[in-house]
PDB file of N, CA and C in Angstrom:
ATOM      1  N   MET A   1     -26.064   5.933  -7.113  1.00  0.00           N
ATOM      2  CA  MET A   1     -25.620   5.519  -5.440  1.00  0.00           C
ATOM      3  C   MET A   1     -24.617   5.948  -5.500  1.00  0.00           C
ATOM      4  N   ASN A   2     -23.333   6.050  -5.376  1.00  0.00           N
ATOM      5  CA  ASN A   2     -21.669   5.647  -5.427  1.00  0.00           C
ATOM      6  C   ASN A   2     -21.573   6.087  -4.832  1.00  0.00           C
ATOM      7  N   GLN A   3     -20.750   4.629  -5.579  1.00  0.00           N
ATOM      8  CA  GLN A   3     -20.305   3.486  -4.644  1.00  0.00           C
ATOM      9  C   GLN A   3     -18.764   3.454  -4.019  1.00  0.00           C
ATOM     10  N   TRP A   4     -17.734   4.415  -4.288  1.00  0.00           N
ATOM     11  CA  TRP A   4     -16.320   4.545  -4.400  1.00  0.00           C
ATOM     12  C   TRP A   4     -16.875   5.550  -2.687  1.00  0.00           C
ATOM     13  N   GLU A   5     -15.297   4.989  -2.454  1.00  0.00           N
ATOM     14  CA  GLU A   5     -15.183   5.782  -0.930  1.00  0.00           C
ATOM     15  C   GLU A   5     -14.467   6.038  -1.431  1.00  0.00           C
ATOM     16  N   THR A   6     -14.183   6.945  -0.908  1.00  0.00           N
ATOM     17  CA  THR A   6     -13.389   8.004  -0.614  1.00  0.00           C
ATOM     18  C   THR A   6     -11.809   7.955  -0.298  1.00  0.00           C
ATOM     19  N   LEU A   7     -10.470   8.409  -0.289  1.00  0.00           N
ATOM     20  CA  LEU A   7      -9.800   7.623  -0.519  1.00  0.00           C
ATOM     21  C   LEU A   7      -9.149   7.271   1.611  1.00  0.00           C
ATOM     22  N   PRO A   8      -9.522   8.610   2.406  1.00  0.00           N
ATOM     23  CA  PRO A   8      -8.993   8.647   3.551  1.00  0.00           C
ATOM     24  C   PRO A   8      -9.765   7.518   4.172  1.00  0.00           C
ATOM     25  N   ASP A   9     -12.151   7.460   3.866  1.00  0.00           N
ATOM     26  CA  ASP A   9     -12.048   6.088   4.234  1.00  0.00           C
ATOM     27  C   ASP A   9     -11.682   4.333   3.898  1.00  0.00           C
ATOM     28  N   HIS A  10     -11.328   4.793   3.369  1.00  0.00           N
ATOM     29  CA  HIS A  10     -10.815   3.286   2.009  1.00  0.00           C
ATOM     30  C   HIS A  10      -9.716   2.859   3.149  1.00  0.00           C
ATOM     31  N   SER A  11      -8.920   4.169   3.200  1.00  0.00           N
ATOM     32  CA  SER A  11      -6.867   3.874   3.592  1.00  0.00           C
ATOM     33  C   SER A  11      -7.766   3.652   5.235  1.00  0.00           C
ATOM     34  N   HIS A  12      -9.073   4.041   6.275  1.00  0.00           N
ATOM     35  CA  HIS A  12      -8.965   3.592   7.515  1.00  0.00           C
ATOM     36  C   HIS A  12      -9.551   2.191   7.942  1.00  0.00           C
ATOM     37  N   ARG A  13     -11.273   2.163   7.333  1.00  0.00           N
ATOM     38  CA  ARG A  13     -11.129   1.267   6.521  1.00  0.00           C
ATOM     39  C   ARG A  13     -10.056  -0.032   6.626  1.00  0.00           C
ATOM     40  N   VAL A  14      -9.286  -0.267   5.570  1.00  0.00           N
ATOM     41  CA  VAL A  14      -8.711  -1.669   5.202  1.00  0.00           C
ATOM     42  C   VAL A  14      -7.972  -1.707   6.410  1.00  0.00           C
ATOM     43  N   GLY A  15      -7.751   0.187   7.568  1.00  0.00           N
ATOM     44  CA  GLY A  15      -5.978  -0.443   8.690  1.00  0.00           C
ATOM     45  C   GLY A  15      -6.824  -1.251   9.563  1.00  0.00           C
ATOM     46  N   GLU A  16      -8.409  -1.053   9.290  1.00  0.00           N
ATOM     47  CA  GLU A  16      -8.865  -1.407  10.411  1.00  0.00           C
ATOM     48  C   GLU A  16      -9.450  -3.253  10.973  1.00  0.00           C
ATOM     49  N   GLN A  17      -9.821  -2.922   8.887  1.00  0.00           N
ATOM     50  CA  GLN A  17      -9.485  -4.036   8.587  1.00  0.00           C
ATOM     51  C   GLN A  17      -8.179  -5.414   9.184  1.00  0.00           C
ATOM     52  N   ALA A  18      -7.174  -4.580   8.700  1.00  0.00           N
ATOM     53  CA  ALA A  18      -6.235  -5.350   8.713  1.00  0.00           C
ATOM     54  C   ALA A  18      -5.486  -5.655   9.961  1.00  0.00           C
ATOM     55  N   ALA A  19      -6.126  -4.752  11.425  1.00  0.00           N
ATOM     56  CA  ALA A  19      -5.698  -4.603  12.261  1.00  0.00           C
ATOM     57  C   ALA A  19      -6.358  -5.850  13.621  1.00  0.00           C
ATOM     58  N   ALA A  20      -7.668  -6.001  12.772  1.00  0.00           N
ATOM     59  CA  ALA A  20      -8.354  -7.135  13.680  1.00  0.00           C
ATOM     60  C   ALA A  20      -7.938  -8.363  13.063  1.00  0.00           C
ATOM     61  N   PHE A  21      -7.349  -8.809  11.728  1.00  0.00           N
ATOM     62  CA  PHE A  21      -7.478  -9.494  10.942  1.00  0.00           C
ATOM     63  C   PHE A  21      -5.941 -10.629  11.586  1.00  0.00           C
ATOM     64  N   ALA A  22      -4.833  -9.442  11.953  1.00  0.00           N
ATOM     65  CA  ALA A  22      -3.669  -9.587  12.203  1.00  0.00           C
ATOM     66  C   ALA A  22      -3.862  -9.615  14.355  1.00  0.00           C
ATOM     67  N   ALA A  23      -4.747  -8.852  14.876  1.00  0.00           N
ATOM     68  CA  ALA A  23      -4.582  -9.197  16.435  1.00  0.00           C
ATOM     69  C   ALA A  23      -4.395 -10.246  16.566  1.00  0.00           C
ATOM     70  N   HIS A  24      -4.771 -10.726  17.176  1.00  0.00           N
ATOM     71  CA  HIS A  24      -4.003 -12.594  17.658  1.00  0.00           C
ATOM     72  C   HIS A  24      -2.595 -13.379  17.040  1.00  0.00           C
ATOM     73  N   LEU A  25      -1.502 -11.978  16.019  1.00  0.00           N
ATOM     74  CA  LEU A  25      -0.757 -12.726  15.814  1.00  0.00           C
ATOM     75  C   LEU A  25       0.202 -11.021  16.740  1.00  0.00           C
ATOM     76  N   GLY A  26       0.131 -10.087  17.484  1.00  0.00           N
ATOM     77  CA  GLY A  26       0.869  -9.225  18.188  1.00  0.00           C
ATOM     78  C   GLY A  26       0.551  -8.249  16.726  1.00  0.00           C
ATOM     79  N   TRP A  27       0.270  -8.353  16.254  1.00  0.00           N
ATOM     80  CA  TRP A  27       0.921  -7.410  14.914  1.00  0.00           C
ATOM     81  C   TRP A  27      -0.355  -6.645  14.032  1.00  0.00           C
ATOM     82  N   ALA A  28      -0.964  -5.768  15.045  1.00  0.00           N
ATOM     83  CA  ALA A  28      -2.766  -5.036  15.056  1.00  0.00           C
ATOM     84  C   ALA A  28      -2.337  -3.379  14.327  1.00  0.00           C
ATOM     85  N   GLU A  29      -1.107  -3.548  15.218  1.00  0.00           N
ATOM     86  CA  GLU A  29      -0.247  -1.877  14.341  1.00  0.00           C
ATOM     87  C   GLU A  29       0.049  -1.547  13.247  1.00  0.00           C
ATOM     88  N   VAL A  30       1.082  -2.848  13.574  1.00  0.00           N
ATOM     89  CA  VAL A  30       1.754  -3.103  11.945  1.00  0.00           C
ATOM     90  C   VAL A  30       0.699  -2.440  10.147  1.00  0.00           C
ATOM     91  N   LEU A  31      -0.032  -3.851  11.068  1.00  0.00           N
ATOM     92  CA  LEU A  31      -1.065  -4.188   9.751  1.00  0.00           C
ATOM     93  C   LEU A  31      -2.202  -2.942   9.459  1.00  0.00           C
ATOM     94  N   ARG A  32      -2.488  -1.987  10.295  1.00  0.00           N
ATOM     95  CA  ARG A  32      -3.430  -0.608  10.682  1.00  0.00           C
ATOM     96  C   ARG A  32      -2.159   0.745   9.053  1.00  0.00           C
ATOM     97  N   LEU A  33      -0.922   0.172  10.673  1.00  0.00           N
ATOM     98  CA  LEU A  33      -0.441   1.105   9.854  1.00  0.00           C
ATOM     99  C   LEU A  33      -0.172   1.291   8.383  1.00  0.00           C
ATOM    100  N   ALA A  34      -0.265  -0.691   7.847  1.00  0.00           N
ATOM    101  CA  ALA A  34       0.219  -0.998   6.602  1.00  0.00           C
ATOM    102  C   ALA A  34      -0.761  -0.969   5.314  1.00  0.00           C
ATOM    103  N   GLY A  35      -2.895  -0.667   6.132  1.00  0.00           N
ATOM    104  CA  GLY A  35      -3.387  -0.977   6.004  1.00  0.00           C
ATOM    105  C   GLY A  35      -4.428   1.057   5.134  1.00  0.00           C
ATOM    106  N   ARG A  36      -3.666   1.808   6.637  1.00  0.00           N
ATOM    107  CA  ARG A  36      -3.920   3.314   6.813  1.00  0.00           C
ATOM    108  C   ARG A  36      -2.615   3.444   4.944  1.00  0.00           C
ATOM    109  N   LEU A  37      -1.426   2.783   4.941  1.00  0.00           N
ATOM    110  CA  LEU A  37      -0.791   3.931   3.877  1.00  0.00           C
ATOM    111  C   LEU A  37      -0.986   2.888   2.085  1.00  0.00           C
ATOM    112  N   HIS A  38      -1.675   1.634   1.797  1.00  0.00           N
ATOM    113  CA  HIS A  38      -1.398   0.858   0.902  1.00  0.00           C
ATOM    114  C   HIS A  38      -1.888   1.838  -0.772  1.00  0.00           C
ATOM    115  N   ASP A  39      -3.011   2.757  -0.365  1.00  0.00           N
ATOM    116  CA  ASP A  39      -3.143   3.096  -1.579  1.00  0.00           C
ATOM    117  C   ASP A  39      -3.051   4.372  -1.268  1.00  0.00           C
ATOM    118  N   ILE A  40      -1.483   5.587  -0.753  1.00  0.00           N
ATOM    119  CA  ILE A  40      -1.806   6.849  -0.634  1.00  0.00           C
ATOM    120  C   ILE A  40      -1.412   7.566  -2.180  1.00  0.00           C
ATOM    121  N   GLY A  41      -0.882   6.164  -2.570  1.00  0.00           N
ATOM    122  CA  GLY A  41       0.077   6.703  -4.481  1.00  0.00           C
ATOM    123  C   GLY A  41      -1.357   7.383  -5.359  1.00  0.00           C
ATOM    124  N   LYS A  42      -2.382   6.298  -4.772  1.00  0.00           N
ATOM    125  CA  LYS A  42      -3.589   7.282  -5.664  1.00  0.00           C
ATOM    126  C   LYS A  42      -4.560   8.675  -5.605  1.00  0.00           C
ATOM    127  N   LEU A  43      -3.001   9.737  -4.525  1.00  0.00           N
ATOM    128  CA  LEU A  43      -3.055  10.494  -4.666  1.00  0.00           C
ATOM    129  C   LEU A  43      -2.893  10.972  -5.924  1.00  0.00           C
ATOM    130  N   SER A  44      -1.358  10.881  -6.175  1.00  0.00           N
ATOM    131  CA  SER A  44      -0.756  11.032  -7.804  1.00  0.00           C
ATOM    132  C   SER A  44      -1.183  11.372  -9.018  1.00  0.00           C
ATOM    133  N   PRO A  45      -1.759  12.536  -9.378  1.00  0.00           N
ATOM    134  CA  PRO A  45      -2.179  13.235 -10.219  1.00  0.00           C
ATOM    135  C   PRO A  45      -2.216  12.431 -11.836  1.00  0.00           C
ATOM    136  N   GLU A  46      -0.760  10.701 -11.416  1.00  0.00           N
ATOM    137  CA  GLU A  46      -1.676   9.884 -13.095  1.00  0.00           C
ATOM    138  C   GLU A  46      -2.755   9.758 -12.279  1.00  0.00           C
ATOM    139  N   PHE A  47      -2.647   8.774 -11.634  1.00  0.00           N
ATOM    140  CA  PHE A  47      -3.858   8.237 -10.585  1.00  0.00           C
ATOM    141  C   PHE A  47      -4.223   8.805 -10.786  1.00  0.00           C
ATOM    142  N   GLN A  48      -5.201   9.968 -10.140  1.00  0.00           N
ATOM    143  CA  GLN A  48      -6.453  10.786 -10.482  1.00  0.00           C
ATOM    144  C   GLN A  48      -6.929  11.859 -11.655  1.00  0.00           C
ATOM    145  N   ALA A  49      -5.776  10.880 -12.382  1.00  0.00           N
ATOM    146  CA  ALA A  49      -6.440  11.043 -14.329  1.00  0.00           C
ATOM    147  C   ALA A  49      -6.832  10.015 -14.960  1.00  0.00           C
ATOM    148  N   TYR A  50      -6.314   9.408 -14.337  1.00  0.00           N
ATOM    149  CA  TYR A  50      -7.046   7.563 -14.413  1.00  0.00           C
ATOM    150  C   TYR A  50      -8.750   7.857 -13.900  1.00  0.00           C
ATOM    151  N   ILE A  51      -8.940   7.643 -13.075  1.00  0.00           N
ATOM    152  CA  ILE A  51     -10.686   8.005 -12.131  1.00  0.00           C
ATOM    153  C   ILE A  51     -11.164   9.180 -12.779  1.00  0.00           C
ATOM    154  N   THR A  52     -10.502   9.666 -13.534  1.00  0.00           N
ATOM    155  CA  THR A  52     -11.819  10.555 -14.591  1.00  0.00           C
ATOM    156  C   THR A  52     -11.146  10.654 -15.145  1.00  0.00           C
ATOM    157  N   GLY A  53     -11.003   8.966 -16.180  1.00  0.00           N
ATOM    158  CA  GLY A  53     -10.829   8.947 -17.412  1.00  0.00           C
ATOM    159  C   GLY A  53      -9.873   9.949 -18.732  1.00  0.00           C
ATOM    160  N   ASP A  54      -8.767  10.686 -18.236  1.00  0.00           N
ATOM    161  CA  ASP A  54      -8.185  11.173 -18.924  1.00  0.00           C
ATOM    162  C   ASP A  54      -6.797  10.432 -19.288  1.00  0.00           C
ATOM    163  N   ARG A  55      -7.232   9.270 -18.685  1.00  0.00           N
ATOM    164  CA  ARG A  55      -5.590   8.387 -18.516  1.00  0.00           C
ATOM    165  C   ARG A  55      -6.689   6.971 -18.769  1.00  0.00           C
ATOM    166  N   THR A  56      -5.546   5.975 -19.182  1.00  0.00           N
ATOM    167  CA  THR A  56      -6.449   4.505 -19.398  1.00  0.00           C
ATOM    168  C   THR A  56      -5.100   3.524 -18.632  1.00  0.00           C
ATOM    169  N   SER A  57      -4.855   3.988 -18.060  1.00  0.00           N
ATOM    170  CA  SER A  57      -3.487   3.581 -16.328  1.00  0.00           C
ATOM    171  C   SER A  57      -3.454   4.144 -15.608  1.00  0.00           C
ATOM    172  N   GLY A  58      -3.753   3.951 -14.269  1.00  0.00           N
ATOM    173  CA  GLY A  58      -3.152   5.068 -13.569  1.00  0.00           C
ATOM    174  C   GLY A  58      -1.770   4.488 -12.667  1.00  0.00           C
ATOM    175  N   GLY A  59      -1.285   3.563 -13.500  1.00  0.00           N
ATOM    176  CA  GLY A  59      -0.352   3.376 -12.601  1.00  0.00           C
ATOM    177  C   GLY A  59       0.864   3.188 -11.306  1.00  0.00           C
ATOM    178  N   ASP A  60       1.570   2.199 -10.738  1.00  0.00           N
ATOM    179  CA  ASP A  60       1.824   2.254 -10.106  1.00  0.00           C
ATOM    180  C   ASP A  60       1.390   2.752  -8.318  1.00  0.00           C
ATOM    181  N   HIS A  61       0.715   2.760  -7.537  1.00  0.00           N
ATOM    182  CA  HIS A  61       0.177   2.928  -6.788  1.00  0.00           C
ATOM    183  C   HIS A  61       0.421   2.094  -5.902  1.00  0.00           C
ATOM    184  N   SER A  62       1.460   1.485  -5.116  1.00  0.00           N
ATOM    185  CA  SER A  62       1.582   0.746  -4.295  1.00  0.00           C
ATOM    186  C   SER A  62       3.495   1.861  -4.387  1.00  0.00           C
ATOM    187  N   SER A  63       3.902   1.663  -4.233  1.00  0.00           N
ATOM    188  CA  SER A  63       5.571   2.370  -4.170  1.00  0.00           C
ATOM    189  C   SER A  63       5.775   4.006  -3.503  1.00  0.00           C
ATOM    190  N   ALA A  64       4.491   4.242  -2.973  1.00  0.00           N
ATOM    191  CA  ALA A  64       4.584   5.383  -2.908  1.00  0.00           C
ATOM    192  C   ALA A  64       4.288   5.558  -1.101  1.00  0.00           C
ATOM    193  N   GLY A  65       2.819   4.427  -1.316  1.00  0.00           N
ATOM    194  CA  GLY A  65       3.790   4.360   0.374  1.00  0.00           C
ATOM    195  C   GLY A  65       3.940   3.558   1.316  1.00  0.00           C
ATOM    196  N   ALA A  66       4.355   2.440  -0.195  1.00  0.00           N
ATOM    197  CA  ALA A  66       5.950   1.876   0.353  1.00  0.00           C
ATOM    198  C   ALA A  66       7.266   2.597   1.158  1.00  0.00           C
ATOM    199  N   ARG A  67       7.174   3.622  -0.320  1.00  0.00           N
ATOM    200  CA  ARG A  67       8.292   4.837   0.124  1.00  0.00           C
ATOM    201  C   ARG A  67       8.170   5.715   1.257  1.00  0.00           C
ATOM    202  N   ILE A  68       7.097   5.930   1.425  1.00  0.00           N
ATOM    203  CA  ILE A  68       7.201   6.753   3.000  1.00  0.00           C
ATOM    204  C   ILE A  68       6.566   5.659   3.915  1.00  0.00           C
ATOM    205  N   ALA A  69       6.717   4.172   4.205  1.00  0.00           N
ATOM    206  CA  ALA A  69       7.373   3.347   5.030  1.00  0.00           C
ATOM    207  C   ALA A  69       8.519   3.235   5.358  1.00  0.00           C
ATOM    208  N   LEU A  70       9.324   2.680   4.068  1.00  0.00           N
ATOM    209  CA  LEU A  70      10.787   3.045   4.485  1.00  0.00           C
ATOM    210  C   LEU A  70      11.288   4.298   4.357  1.00  0.00           C
ATOM    211  N   ASP A  71      11.058   5.906   4.349  1.00  0.00           N
ATOM    212  CA  ASP A  71      11.322   6.843   4.966  1.00  0.00           C
ATOM    213  C   ASP A  71      11.728   7.669   6.067  1.00  0.00           C
ATOM    214  N   SER A  72      10.286   6.735   6.482  1.00  0.00           N
ATOM    215  CA  SER A  72       9.205   6.755   7.545  1.00  0.00           C
ATOM    216  C   SER A  72      10.709   6.396   8.814  1.00  0.00           C
ATOM    217  N   TYR A  73       9.942   4.561   8.834  1.00  0.00           N
ATOM    218  CA  TYR A  73      10.494   3.859   9.701  1.00  0.00           C
ATOM    219  C   TYR A  73      11.587   3.181   9.786  1.00  0.00           C
ATOM    220  N   GLY A  74      12.960   3.912   8.978  1.00  0.00           N
ATOM    221  CA  GLY A  74      14.389   3.246   9.380  1.00  0.00           C
ATOM    222  C   GLY A  74      13.596   1.609   7.644  1.00  0.00           C
ATOM    223  N   PRO A  75      15.672   1.243   7.995  1.00  0.00           N
ATOM    224  CA  PRO A  75      16.051  -0.060   7.173  1.00  0.00           C
ATOM    225  C   PRO A  75      15.291  -1.158   7.919  1.00  0.00           C
ATOM    226  N   ASN A  76      14.658  -1.749   8.755  1.00  0.00           N
ATOM    227  CA  ASN A  76      13.631  -3.308   9.452  1.00  0.00           C
ATOM    228  C   ASN A  76      12.574  -2.865   9.238  1.00  0.00           C
ATOM    229  N   PHE A  77      12.558  -2.372  10.535  1.00  0.00           N
ATOM    230  CA  PHE A  77      10.574  -1.849  10.372  1.00  0.00           C
ATOM    231  C   PHE A  77       9.866  -1.407   9.791  1.00  0.00           C
ATOM    232  N   GLY A  78      10.314  -0.473   8.645  1.00  0.00           N
ATOM    233  CA  GLY A  78      10.131   0.322   7.268  1.00  0.00           C
ATOM    234  C   GLY A  78      10.126  -0.716   6.236  1.00  0.00           C
ATOM    235  N   MET A  79      11.707  -1.263   6.168  1.00  0.00           N
ATOM    236  CA  MET A  79      11.784  -2.377   4.954  1.00  0.00           C
ATOM    237  C   MET A  79      10.395  -2.980   5.515  1.00  0.00           C
ATOM    238  N   VAL A  80      10.027  -3.975   6.398  1.00  0.00           N
ATOM    239  CA  VAL A  80       9.183  -4.401   6.405  1.00  0.00           C
ATOM    240  C   VAL A  80       7.576  -4.442   6.542  1.00  0.00           C
ATOM    241  N   LEU A  81       7.466  -3.075   6.401  1.00  0.00           N
ATOM    242  CA  LEU A  81       6.486  -2.554   5.931  1.00  0.00           C
ATOM    243  C   LEU A  81       6.212  -1.808   4.529  1.00  0.00           C
ATOM    244  N   ALA A  82       7.103  -2.274   4.638  1.00  0.00           N
ATOM    245  CA  ALA A  82       7.103  -1.336   2.913  1.00  0.00           C
ATOM    246  C   ALA A  82       6.953  -2.306   1.822  1.00  0.00           C
ATOM    247  N   ALA A  83       7.210  -3.793   2.406  1.00  0.00           N
ATOM    248  CA  ALA A  83       6.766  -4.984   1.193  1.00  0.00           C
ATOM    249  C   ALA A  83       5.728  -5.151   0.816  1.00  0.00           C
ATOM    250  N   ILE A  84       5.026  -5.481   2.109  1.00  0.00           N
ATOM    251  CA  ILE A  84       3.325  -5.248   3.049  1.00  0.00           C
ATOM    252  C   ILE A  84       3.128  -4.730   2.395  1.00  0.00           C
ATOM    253  N   ILE A  85       2.718  -3.325   1.587  1.00  0.00           N
ATOM    254  CA  ILE A  85       2.242  -2.139   0.977  1.00  0.00           C
ATOM    255  C   ILE A  85       2.297  -2.509  -0.188  1.00  0.00           C
ATOM    256  N   ALA A  86       4.072  -2.905  -0.510  1.00  0.00           N
ATOM    257  CA  ALA A  86       4.429  -2.019  -2.486  1.00  0.00           C
ATOM    258  C   ALA A  86       3.947  -3.614  -2.571  1.00  0.00           C
ATOM    259  N   ALA A  87       3.728  -5.060  -2.230  1.00  0.00           N
ATOM    260  CA  ALA A  87       3.133  -6.687  -2.964  1.00  0.00           C
ATOM    261  C   ALA A  87       0.842  -6.183  -2.893  1.00  0.00           C
ATOM    262  N   HIS A  88       0.685  -4.916  -1.885  1.00  0.00           N
ATOM    263  CA  HIS A  88      -0.565  -5.573  -1.722  1.00  0.00           C
ATOM    264  C   HIS A  88      -1.670  -5.934  -2.990  1.00  0.00           C
ATOM    265  N   HIS A  89      -1.249  -5.816  -4.140  1.00  0.00           N
ATOM    266  CA  HIS A  89      -1.919  -6.109  -5.120  1.00  0.00           C
ATOM    267  C   HIS A  89      -1.418  -7.778  -6.226  1.00  0.00           C
ATOM    268  N   ALA A  90      -0.271  -8.079  -6.280  1.00  0.00           N
ATOM    269  CA  ALA A  90       0.906  -8.612  -6.953  1.00  0.00           C
ATOM    270  C   ALA A  90       0.322  -9.787  -7.609  1.00  0.00           C
ATOM    271  N   ARG A  91      -1.137 -10.828  -6.250  1.00  0.00           N
ATOM    272  CA  ARG A  91      -1.398 -11.325  -6.479  1.00  0.00           C
ATOM    273  C   ARG A  91      -2.653 -11.040  -7.037  1.00  0.00           C
ATOM    274  N   LEU A  92      -3.630 -10.316  -7.154  1.00  0.00           N
ATOM    275  CA  LEU A  92      -4.976 -10.296  -7.446  1.00  0.00           C
ATOM    276  C   LEU A  92      -4.198  -9.862  -9.384  1.00  0.00           C
ATOM    277  N   THR A  93      -3.578  -9.613 -10.017  1.00  0.00           N
ATOM    278  CA  THR A  93      -3.049  -8.681 -10.624  1.00  0.00           C
ATOM    279  C   THR A  93      -2.589 -10.272 -10.935  1.00  0.00           C
ATOM    280  N   GLY A  94      -1.689 -10.770 -11.104  1.00  0.00           N
ATOM    281  CA  GLY A  94      -1.416 -12.497 -11.332  1.00  0.00           C
ATOM    282  C   GLY A  94       0.470 -11.411 -11.541  1.00  0.00           C
ATOM    283  N   GLY A  95       0.956 -10.322 -10.948  1.00  0.00           N
ATOM    284  CA  GLY A  95       2.539 -10.106 -11.114  1.00  0.00           C
ATOM    285  C   GLY A  95       2.746 -11.303 -10.154  1.00  0.00           C
ATOM    286  N   VAL A  96       3.965 -10.479  -9.771  1.00  0.00           N
ATOM    287  CA  VAL A  96       5.393 -11.245  -8.810  1.00  0.00           C
ATOM    288  C   VAL A  96       6.329 -10.186  -8.287  1.00  0.00           C
ATOM    289  N   PHE A  97       6.034  -9.975  -7.047  1.00  0.00           N
ATOM    290  CA  PHE A  97       6.445  -9.283  -5.644  1.00  0.00           C
ATOM    291  C   PHE A  97       8.026 -10.027  -5.612  1.00  0.00           C
ATOM    292  N   ASP A  98       8.848  -9.085  -6.011  1.00  0.00           N
ATOM    293  CA  ASP A  98       9.610  -9.606  -5.634  1.00  0.00           C
ATOM    294  C   ASP A  98      10.946  -9.138  -3.967  1.00  0.00           C
ATOM    295  N   VAL A  99      10.215 -10.058  -3.625  1.00  0.00           N
ATOM    296  CA  VAL A  99      10.364  -9.821  -1.871  1.00  0.00           C
ATOM    297  C   VAL A  99      12.155  -9.760  -1.664  1.00  0.00           C
ATOM    298  N   ARG A 100      12.661 -10.021  -1.781  1.00  0.00           N
ATOM    299  CA  ARG A 100      13.747 -10.399  -2.018  1.00  0.00           C
ATOM    300  C   ARG A 100      14.163  -9.220  -2.587  1.00  0.00           C
ATOM    301  N   ARG A 101      14.584  -8.356  -3.726  1.00  0.00           N
ATOM    302  CA  ARG A 101      14.370  -7.157  -3.964  1.00  0.00           C
ATOM    303  C   ARG A 101      14.352  -6.372  -3.026  1.00  0.00           C
ATOM    304  N   CYS A 102      12.513  -6.382  -2.524  1.00  0.00           N
ATOM    305  CA  CYS A 102      12.713  -5.207  -1.419  1.00  0.00           C
ATOM    306  C   CYS A 102      13.070  -5.295  -0.804  1.00  0.00           C
ATOM    307  N   LEU A 103      13.381  -6.256   0.019  1.00  0.00           N
ATOM    308  CA  LEU A 103      13.992  -6.990   1.426  1.00  0.00           C
ATOM    309  C   LEU A 103      15.600  -6.236   2.003  1.00  0.00           C
ATOM    310  N   VAL A 104      15.938  -6.693   0.260  1.00  0.00           N
ATOM    311  CA  VAL A 104      17.256  -6.682   0.657  1.00  0.00           C
ATOM    312  C   VAL A 104      18.314  -6.350  -0.131  1.00  0.00           C
ATOM    313  N   GLU A 105      17.161  -5.349  -0.693  1.00  0.00           N
ATOM    314  CA  GLU A 105      18.290  -4.067  -2.011  1.00  0.00           C
ATOM    315  C   GLU A 105      17.818  -2.706  -1.370  1.00  0.00           C
ATOM    316  N   GLY A 106      16.367  -2.958  -0.853  1.00  0.00           N
ATOM    317  CA  GLY A 106      15.918  -1.517  -0.289  1.00  0.00           C
ATOM    318  C   GLY A 106      15.532  -0.983  -1.569  1.00  0.00           C
ATOM    319  N   THR A 107      14.675  -2.293  -2.711  1.00  0.00           N
ATOM    320  CA  THR A 107      13.935  -2.046  -3.710  1.00  0.00           C
ATOM    321  C   THR A 107      12.544  -2.288  -3.285  1.00  0.00           C
ATOM    322  N   VAL A 108      11.884  -0.306  -3.546  1.00  0.00           N
ATOM    323  CA  VAL A 108       9.995  -0.348  -3.011  1.00  0.00           C
ATOM    324  C   VAL A 108       9.170  -0.865  -4.584  1.00  0.00           C
ATOM    325  N   SER A 109       9.972   0.620  -5.654  1.00  0.00           N
ATOM    326  CA  SER A 109       9.547   0.896  -7.392  1.00  0.00           C
ATOM    327  C   SER A 109       9.457  -0.410  -8.030  1.00  0.00           C
TER     328      SER A 109
END
């Protein structure tokens, strides 16, 4: 049995779960969009080589979705959305996400 989700299925599911979680705050659509963009960087050649075993690391896959958010939605809403997306693994990996750098300087990678 294959336990992997396709990227479109995963992105849709995460978007819906995030929207449900944030609905009572009035942020359902923001978090739905963040969920759908959060792993788009997994389409990169580097990440594809990682999942096929040709590389030992997939590299950064969060910055791609953050960059799309920033480029598509501008410096205000886009930056908030980019910060959510760019930080989505920082706590899980013990990493530190510099939200000031992302929000103030506009740096998402």
